[in-house]
């Protein structure tokens, strides 16, 4: 499982000119799932995400002191199979490492539910749809997390 985490001031997902998910001050999580990924992988990554200290405590000399739970931030979770794209050969990426929807969607749904279970404000994109994602990256802070 791969997650690209971007700390954002605001972010939203649009599907067919309709906003389906929108947050302010939190993380936009692009989630990619491969064939071997399990619920344990999702649990491990969520635990890491919740503990990452990427927020200021509000003082002028503070940098990366608090985690998303402490600042009551939000999560925007967006499925993204292209995280497993391989562009080593040719000009058209291969996506054979990305899990098929019948495996990926239930695991994505599990991850989203675990996020919701934390009590945080959680929004999502729409699995398997073409989405326009707009965000303001804060920092910029962008991390690649892998299980």
N, C-alpha and C. Protein backbone atom coordinates (compact mmCIF):
# COMPACT_ATOMS: atom_id res chain seq x y z
N UNK A 1 0.85 -1.16 0.00
CA UNK A 1 0.00 0.00 0.00
C UNK A 1 0.90 1.22 0.00
N UNK A 2 0.56 2.18 -0.84
CA UNK A 2 1.28 3.44 -0.90
C UNK A 2 0.29 4.57 -0.65
N UNK A 3 0.75 5.54 0.11
CA UNK A 3 -0.05 6.73 0.33
C UNK A 3 0.84 7.95 0.12
N UNK A 4 0.39 8.84 -0.74
CA UNK A 4 1.01 10.14 -0.86
C UNK A 4 0.20 11.07 0.04
N UNK A 5 0.86 11.59 1.06
CA UNK A 5 0.23 12.48 2.03
C UNK A 5 0.66 13.89 1.70
N UNK A 6 -0.31 14.77 1.54
CA UNK A 6 -0.01 16.18 1.37
C UNK A 6 -0.72 16.96 2.46
N UNK A 7 0.04 17.75 3.21
CA UNK A 7 -0.55 18.64 4.21
C UNK A 7 -1.18 19.78 3.44
N UNK A 8 -2.45 20.07 3.73
CA UNK A 8 -3.18 21.07 2.94
C UNK A 8 -3.85 22.11 3.82
N UNK A 9 -3.99 23.30 3.25
CA UNK A 9 -4.81 24.34 3.85
C UNK A 9 -6.27 24.14 3.46
N UNK A 10 -6.46 23.59 2.25
CA UNK A 10 -7.79 23.23 1.77
C UNK A 10 -7.62 22.29 0.59
N UNK A 11 -8.63 21.45 0.39
CA UNK A 11 -8.61 20.51 -0.73
C UNK A 11 -10.03 20.04 -1.00
N UNK A 12 -10.30 19.77 -2.28
CA UNK A 12 -11.60 19.20 -2.62
C UNK A 12 -11.49 18.32 -3.85
N UNK A 13 -12.45 17.41 -3.96
CA UNK A 13 -12.54 16.49 -5.09
C UNK A 13 -13.83 16.76 -5.83
N UNK A 14 -13.71 16.84 -7.14
CA UNK A 14 -14.84 17.13 -8.02
C UNK A 14 -15.02 15.94 -8.97
N UNK A 15 -16.23 15.43 -9.07
CA UNK A 15 -16.56 14.37 -10.02
C UNK A 15 -17.72 14.87 -10.88
N UNK A 16 -17.49 14.98 -12.18
CA UNK A 16 -18.51 15.48 -13.11
C UNK A 16 -19.08 16.81 -12.65
N UNK A 17 -18.19 17.75 -12.31
CA UNK A 17 -18.56 19.11 -11.91
C UNK A 17 -19.37 19.18 -10.63
N UNK A 18 -19.23 18.17 -9.76
CA UNK A 18 -19.90 18.19 -8.46
C UNK A 18 -18.86 17.87 -7.39
N UNK A 19 -18.77 18.73 -6.38
CA UNK A 19 -17.83 18.49 -5.28
C UNK A 19 -18.36 17.32 -4.45
N UNK A 20 -17.53 16.28 -4.32
CA UNK A 20 -17.94 15.09 -3.55
C UNK A 20 -17.23 15.00 -2.21
N UNK A 21 -16.15 15.75 -2.02
CA UNK A 21 -15.42 15.77 -0.76
C UNK A 21 -14.61 17.04 -0.65
N UNK A 22 -14.60 17.63 0.55
CA UNK A 22 -13.90 18.89 0.73
C UNK A 22 -13.46 19.04 2.19
N UNK A 23 -12.21 19.48 2.38
CA UNK A 23 -11.68 19.71 3.73
C UNK A 23 -10.90 21.01 3.77
N UNK A 24 -10.64 21.45 4.99
CA UNK A 24 -9.69 22.53 5.25
C UNK A 24 -8.73 22.02 6.32
N UNK A 25 -7.50 22.48 6.29
CA UNK A 25 -6.50 22.18 7.32
C UNK A 25 -6.43 20.71 7.70
N UNK A 26 -5.65 19.98 6.95
CA UNK A 26 -5.48 18.57 7.24
C UNK A 26 -4.58 17.91 6.23
N UNK A 27 -4.90 16.65 5.92
CA UNK A 27 -4.13 15.87 4.97
C UNK A 27 -5.01 15.42 3.81
N UNK A 28 -4.48 15.56 2.61
CA UNK A 28 -5.05 14.92 1.45
C UNK A 28 -4.23 13.65 1.25
N UNK A 29 -4.91 12.50 1.28
CA UNK A 29 -4.25 11.20 1.19
C UNK A 29 -4.61 10.53 -0.13
N UNK A 30 -3.63 10.36 -1.00
CA UNK A 30 -3.82 9.61 -2.24
C UNK A 30 -3.41 8.17 -1.93
N UNK A 31 -4.34 7.24 -2.08
CA UNK A 31 -4.15 5.86 -1.62
C UNK A 31 -4.06 4.92 -2.82
N UNK A 32 -2.93 4.21 -2.91
CA UNK A 32 -2.74 3.19 -3.93
C UNK A 32 -2.62 1.82 -3.28
N UNK A 33 -3.25 0.84 -3.91
CA UNK A 33 -3.29 -0.51 -3.35
C UNK A 33 -2.74 -1.49 -4.37
N UNK A 34 -1.86 -2.38 -3.89
CA UNK A 34 -1.31 -3.43 -4.74
C UNK A 34 -1.86 -4.78 -4.30
N UNK A 35 -1.51 -5.82 -5.03
CA UNK A 35 -2.12 -7.15 -4.88
C UNK A 35 -1.98 -7.77 -3.49
N UNK A 36 -0.86 -7.56 -2.83
CA UNK A 36 -0.59 -8.23 -1.56
C UNK A 36 -1.10 -7.45 -0.35
N UNK A 37 -1.64 -6.26 -0.54
CA UNK A 37 -2.03 -5.42 0.59
C UNK A 37 -3.18 -6.02 1.38
N UNK A 38 -3.14 -5.77 2.70
CA UNK A 38 -4.13 -6.33 3.62
C UNK A 38 -4.65 -5.23 4.55
N UNK A 39 -5.63 -5.58 5.35
CA UNK A 39 -6.14 -4.66 6.36
C UNK A 39 -5.04 -4.27 7.35
N UNK A 40 -4.14 -5.18 7.64
CA UNK A 40 -3.02 -4.87 8.54
C UNK A 40 -2.15 -3.76 7.97
N UNK A 41 -1.95 -3.76 6.65
CA UNK A 41 -1.19 -2.68 6.02
C UNK A 41 -1.91 -1.35 6.19
N UNK A 42 -3.22 -1.36 5.98
CA UNK A 42 -4.03 -0.14 6.13
C UNK A 42 -3.95 0.37 7.56
N UNK A 43 -4.07 -0.54 8.53
CA UNK A 43 -4.02 -0.16 9.94
C UNK A 43 -2.67 0.47 10.28
N UNK A 44 -1.60 -0.13 9.81
CA UNK A 44 -0.25 0.35 10.08
C UNK A 44 -0.05 1.76 9.52
N UNK A 45 -0.50 1.98 8.30
CA UNK A 45 -0.32 3.29 7.69
C UNK A 45 -1.18 4.35 8.37
N UNK A 46 -2.40 4.01 8.73
CA UNK A 46 -3.25 4.98 9.42
C UNK A 46 -2.65 5.36 10.76
N UNK A 47 -2.13 4.39 11.49
CA UNK A 47 -1.49 4.68 12.77
C UNK A 47 -0.34 5.66 12.59
N UNK A 48 0.46 5.45 11.55
CA UNK A 48 1.58 6.34 11.25
C UNK A 48 1.08 7.74 10.92
N UNK A 49 0.06 7.83 10.07
CA UNK A 49 -0.50 9.12 9.65
C UNK A 49 -0.99 9.92 10.85
N UNK A 50 -1.67 9.25 11.76
CA UNK A 50 -2.23 9.94 12.92
C UNK A 50 -1.16 10.44 13.89
N UNK A 51 0.02 9.84 13.86
CA UNK A 51 1.09 10.21 14.79
C UNK A 51 2.11 11.17 14.19
N UNK A 52 2.11 11.35 12.88
CA UNK A 52 3.10 12.22 12.25
C UNK A 52 2.96 13.65 12.77
N UNK A 53 4.06 14.20 13.23
CA UNK A 53 4.07 15.56 13.76
C UNK A 53 4.43 16.53 12.64
N UNK A 54 3.40 17.06 11.99
CA UNK A 54 3.60 17.93 10.84
C UNK A 54 2.95 19.31 11.01
N UNK A 55 2.45 19.59 12.21
CA UNK A 55 1.74 20.85 12.45
C UNK A 55 2.46 21.67 13.52
N UNK A 56 2.38 22.97 13.38
CA UNK A 56 2.91 23.91 14.36
C UNK A 56 2.02 23.91 15.59
N UNK A 57 2.60 24.26 16.73
CA UNK A 57 1.78 24.40 17.94
C UNK A 57 1.27 25.82 18.11
N UNK A 58 1.50 26.66 17.10
CA UNK A 58 0.97 28.02 17.12
C UNK A 58 1.96 29.07 17.56
N UNK A 59 3.11 28.66 18.07
CA UNK A 59 4.12 29.63 18.45
C UNK A 59 5.00 29.95 17.26
N UNK A 60 5.62 31.10 17.28
CA UNK A 60 6.39 31.56 16.12
C UNK A 60 7.61 30.69 15.82
N UNK A 61 8.17 30.06 16.84
CA UNK A 61 9.37 29.24 16.63
C UNK A 61 9.07 27.75 16.52
N UNK A 62 7.79 27.42 16.41
CA UNK A 62 7.39 26.00 16.38
C UNK A 62 7.36 25.50 14.94
N UNK A 63 7.81 24.26 14.75
CA UNK A 63 7.77 23.63 13.44
C UNK A 63 7.60 22.13 13.64
N UNK A 64 6.51 21.61 13.14
CA UNK A 64 6.27 20.17 13.20
C UNK A 64 6.28 19.64 14.63
N UNK A 65 5.44 20.20 15.45
CA UNK A 65 5.35 19.82 16.86
C UNK A 65 4.14 18.96 17.18
N UNK A 66 3.05 19.11 16.42
CA UNK A 66 1.80 18.44 16.76
C UNK A 66 1.34 17.53 15.62
N UNK A 67 0.54 16.52 16.00
CA UNK A 67 -0.01 15.63 14.97
C UNK A 67 -1.41 16.09 14.58
N UNK A 68 -1.99 15.45 13.60
CA UNK A 68 -3.28 15.87 13.05
C UNK A 68 -4.42 15.73 14.06
N UNK A 69 -4.31 14.77 14.95
CA UNK A 69 -5.34 14.59 15.98
C UNK A 69 -5.32 15.76 16.95
N UNK A 70 -4.12 16.16 17.36
CA UNK A 70 -3.97 17.25 18.32
C UNK A 70 -4.49 18.58 17.78
N UNK A 71 -4.41 18.79 16.47
CA UNK A 71 -4.87 20.06 15.89
C UNK A 71 -6.29 19.95 15.33
N UNK A 72 -6.91 18.77 15.53
CA UNK A 72 -8.27 18.51 15.04
C UNK A 72 -8.38 18.76 13.54
N UNK A 73 -7.41 18.23 12.80
CA UNK A 73 -7.39 18.36 11.36
C UNK A 73 -8.34 17.39 10.69
N UNK A 74 -8.45 17.49 9.39
CA UNK A 74 -9.36 16.67 8.60
C UNK A 74 -8.58 15.82 7.60
N UNK A 75 -9.23 14.79 7.09
CA UNK A 75 -8.63 13.90 6.08
C UNK A 75 -9.50 13.89 4.83
N UNK A 76 -8.86 14.03 3.68
CA UNK A 76 -9.50 13.81 2.39
C UNK A 76 -8.81 12.61 1.78
N UNK A 77 -9.55 11.50 1.62
CA UNK A 77 -8.98 10.23 1.17
C UNK A 77 -9.40 9.99 -0.28
N UNK A 78 -8.41 9.83 -1.16
CA UNK A 78 -8.66 9.71 -2.60
C UNK A 78 -7.97 8.46 -3.13
N UNK A 79 -8.73 7.56 -3.72
CA UNK A 79 -8.13 6.36 -4.32
C UNK A 79 -7.30 6.77 -5.53
N UNK A 80 -6.15 6.11 -5.71
CA UNK A 80 -5.26 6.49 -6.80
C UNK A 80 -4.40 5.30 -7.23
N UNK A 81 -4.92 4.50 -8.17
CA UNK A 81 -4.19 3.31 -8.63
C UNK A 81 -2.90 3.68 -9.34
N UNK A 82 -2.79 4.92 -9.85
CA UNK A 82 -1.60 5.30 -10.61
C UNK A 82 -0.35 5.39 -9.75
N UNK A 83 -0.50 5.32 -8.42
CA UNK A 83 0.69 5.27 -7.56
C UNK A 83 1.51 4.02 -7.83
N UNK A 84 0.88 3.01 -8.40
CA UNK A 84 1.60 1.78 -8.77
C UNK A 84 1.91 1.72 -10.26
N UNK A 85 1.93 2.88 -10.90
CA UNK A 85 2.33 2.93 -12.30
C UNK A 85 3.82 2.73 -12.46
N UNK A 86 4.21 2.03 -13.51
CA UNK A 86 5.62 1.78 -13.80
C UNK A 86 5.91 2.35 -15.19
N UNK A 87 6.75 3.38 -15.23
CA UNK A 87 7.07 4.05 -16.48
C UNK A 87 8.53 3.82 -16.89
N UNK A 88 9.11 2.70 -16.46
CA UNK A 88 10.50 2.42 -16.77
C UNK A 88 10.72 2.17 -18.26
N UNK A 89 9.75 1.54 -18.91
CA UNK A 89 9.88 1.22 -20.33
C UNK A 89 8.86 2.02 -21.13
N UNK A 90 9.27 2.50 -22.27
CA UNK A 90 8.34 3.15 -23.19
C UNK A 90 7.75 4.44 -22.64
N UNK A 91 6.64 4.83 -23.25
CA UNK A 91 6.01 6.09 -22.88
C UNK A 91 4.61 5.93 -22.31
N UNK A 92 4.14 4.70 -22.22
CA UNK A 92 2.84 4.43 -21.60
C UNK A 92 3.08 3.59 -20.35
N UNK A 93 2.72 4.12 -19.18
CA UNK A 93 2.97 3.38 -17.95
C UNK A 93 2.19 2.07 -17.89
N UNK A 94 2.77 1.10 -17.20
CA UNK A 94 2.09 -0.16 -16.91
C UNK A 94 1.51 -0.05 -15.50
N UNK A 95 0.31 -0.57 -15.34
CA UNK A 95 -0.33 -0.54 -14.03
C UNK A 95 -0.59 -1.94 -13.48
N UNK A 96 0.24 -2.91 -13.91
CA UNK A 96 0.04 -4.29 -13.48
C UNK A 96 0.27 -4.48 -11.98
N UNK A 97 1.02 -3.58 -11.35
CA UNK A 97 1.25 -3.70 -9.91
C UNK A 97 0.07 -3.18 -9.10
N UNK A 98 -0.82 -2.44 -9.73
CA UNK A 98 -2.01 -1.94 -9.03
C UNK A 98 -3.02 -3.07 -8.90
N UNK A 99 -3.64 -3.14 -7.74
CA UNK A 99 -4.63 -4.18 -7.49
C UNK A 99 -5.88 -3.96 -8.32
N UNK A 100 -6.53 -5.04 -8.68
CA UNK A 100 -7.81 -4.96 -9.40
C UNK A 100 -8.88 -4.38 -8.47
N UNK A 101 -9.89 -3.74 -9.02
CA UNK A 101 -10.93 -3.11 -8.19
C UNK A 101 -11.61 -4.06 -7.20
N UNK A 102 -11.79 -5.32 -7.57
CA UNK A 102 -12.47 -6.25 -6.66
C UNK A 102 -11.68 -6.50 -5.37
N UNK A 103 -10.36 -6.28 -5.40
CA UNK A 103 -9.54 -6.35 -4.18
C UNK A 103 -9.32 -4.95 -3.59
N UNK A 104 -9.07 -3.99 -4.45
CA UNK A 104 -8.70 -2.65 -3.99
C UNK A 104 -9.87 -1.90 -3.34
N UNK A 105 -11.05 -1.99 -3.92
CA UNK A 105 -12.16 -1.19 -3.39
C UNK A 105 -12.55 -1.58 -1.96
N UNK A 106 -12.68 -2.88 -1.65
CA UNK A 106 -12.99 -3.21 -0.25
C UNK A 106 -11.90 -2.76 0.73
N UNK A 107 -10.64 -2.83 0.32
CA UNK A 107 -9.56 -2.40 1.19
C UNK A 107 -9.55 -0.88 1.33
N UNK A 108 -9.82 -0.17 0.26
CA UNK A 108 -9.97 1.29 0.32
C UNK A 108 -11.12 1.66 1.25
N UNK A 109 -12.26 0.99 1.10
CA UNK A 109 -13.41 1.24 1.97
C UNK A 109 -13.06 0.96 3.44
N UNK A 110 -12.30 -0.10 3.68
CA UNK A 110 -11.86 -0.43 5.03
C UNK A 110 -11.01 0.71 5.60
N UNK A 111 -10.06 1.18 4.80
CA UNK A 111 -9.19 2.27 5.23
C UNK A 111 -10.01 3.52 5.56
N UNK A 112 -10.94 3.87 4.70
CA UNK A 112 -11.79 5.04 4.93
C UNK A 112 -12.59 4.86 6.23
N UNK A 113 -13.15 3.68 6.43
CA UNK A 113 -13.93 3.44 7.65
C UNK A 113 -13.06 3.56 8.90
N UNK A 114 -11.83 3.05 8.82
CA UNK A 114 -10.92 3.17 9.96
C UNK A 114 -10.60 4.65 10.23
N UNK A 115 -10.48 5.45 9.19
CA UNK A 115 -10.27 6.89 9.35
C UNK A 115 -11.48 7.50 10.06
N UNK A 116 -12.67 7.15 9.62
CA UNK A 116 -13.90 7.67 10.22
C UNK A 116 -13.99 7.25 11.68
N UNK A 117 -13.59 6.02 11.97
CA UNK A 117 -13.66 5.49 13.34
C UNK A 117 -12.79 6.28 14.31
N UNK A 118 -11.83 7.04 13.81
CA UNK A 118 -10.98 7.86 14.69
C UNK A 118 -11.75 9.05 15.24
N UNK A 119 -12.89 9.37 14.65
CA UNK A 119 -13.67 10.53 15.07
C UNK A 119 -13.28 11.81 14.35
N UNK A 120 -12.32 11.71 13.44
CA UNK A 120 -11.90 12.89 12.69
C UNK A 120 -12.91 13.20 11.59
N UNK A 121 -12.86 14.43 11.08
CA UNK A 121 -13.65 14.79 9.91
C UNK A 121 -12.97 14.14 8.70
N UNK A 122 -13.71 13.28 8.01
CA UNK A 122 -13.17 12.54 6.86
C UNK A 122 -14.08 12.75 5.66
N UNK A 123 -13.47 13.09 4.54
CA UNK A 123 -14.16 13.20 3.26
C UNK A 123 -13.42 12.29 2.28
N UNK A 124 -14.09 11.95 1.17
CA UNK A 124 -13.47 11.06 0.18
C UNK A 124 -13.75 11.52 -1.24
N UNK A 125 -13.00 10.91 -2.14
CA UNK A 125 -13.33 10.99 -3.55
C UNK A 125 -14.31 9.87 -3.86
N UNK A 126 -14.41 9.50 -5.13
CA UNK A 126 -15.29 8.41 -5.55
C UNK A 126 -14.44 7.34 -6.21
N UNK A 127 -14.39 6.16 -5.60
CA UNK A 127 -13.53 5.08 -6.07
C UNK A 127 -13.86 4.76 -7.54
N UNK A 128 -12.82 4.62 -8.34
CA UNK A 128 -12.95 4.18 -9.72
C UNK A 128 -13.43 5.24 -10.70
N UNK A 129 -13.65 6.44 -10.25
CA UNK A 129 -14.12 7.52 -11.13
C UNK A 129 -12.96 8.44 -11.48
N UNK A 130 -13.12 9.14 -12.60
CA UNK A 130 -12.19 10.21 -12.93
C UNK A 130 -12.50 11.37 -12.01
N UNK A 131 -11.48 11.86 -11.29
CA UNK A 131 -11.69 12.92 -10.31
C UNK A 131 -10.76 14.09 -10.61
N UNK A 132 -11.26 15.29 -10.37
CA UNK A 132 -10.42 16.48 -10.37
C UNK A 132 -10.16 16.82 -8.92
N UNK A 133 -8.89 16.83 -8.53
CA UNK A 133 -8.52 17.13 -7.15
C UNK A 133 -7.83 18.48 -7.14
N UNK A 134 -8.35 19.37 -6.32
CA UNK A 134 -7.77 20.69 -6.16
C UNK A 134 -7.32 20.82 -4.72
N UNK A 135 -6.08 21.29 -4.54
CA UNK A 135 -5.59 21.43 -3.18
C UNK A 135 -4.59 22.57 -3.09
N UNK A 136 -4.47 23.10 -1.88
CA UNK A 136 -3.43 24.07 -1.56
C UNK A 136 -2.51 23.36 -0.58
N UNK A 137 -1.33 22.99 -1.07
CA UNK A 137 -0.35 22.25 -0.28
C UNK A 137 0.31 23.22 0.70
N UNK A 138 0.28 22.89 1.97
CA UNK A 138 0.82 23.73 3.03
C UNK A 138 2.25 23.32 3.30
N UNK A 139 3.17 24.22 3.08
CA UNK A 139 4.57 23.94 3.38
C UNK A 139 5.52 24.27 2.24
N UNK A 140 5.59 23.54 1.19
CA UNK A 140 4.84 22.32 0.89
C UNK A 140 5.36 21.12 1.67
N UNK A 141 4.43 20.37 2.23
CA UNK A 141 4.77 19.13 2.91
C UNK A 141 4.09 18.00 2.17
N UNK A 142 4.90 17.10 1.62
CA UNK A 142 4.43 15.94 0.88
C UNK A 142 5.30 14.75 1.27
N UNK A 143 4.66 13.67 1.70
CA UNK A 143 5.38 12.45 2.09
C UNK A 143 4.85 11.25 1.34
N UNK A 144 5.73 10.32 1.02
CA UNK A 144 5.34 9.02 0.46
C UNK A 144 5.47 7.99 1.57
N UNK A 145 4.34 7.37 1.90
CA UNK A 145 4.31 6.34 2.93
C UNK A 145 4.03 5.00 2.27
N UNK A 146 4.74 3.96 2.71
CA UNK A 146 4.53 2.62 2.15
C UNK A 146 4.46 1.60 3.27
N UNK A 147 3.60 0.59 3.07
CA UNK A 147 3.50 -0.46 4.07
C UNK A 147 4.54 -1.52 3.81
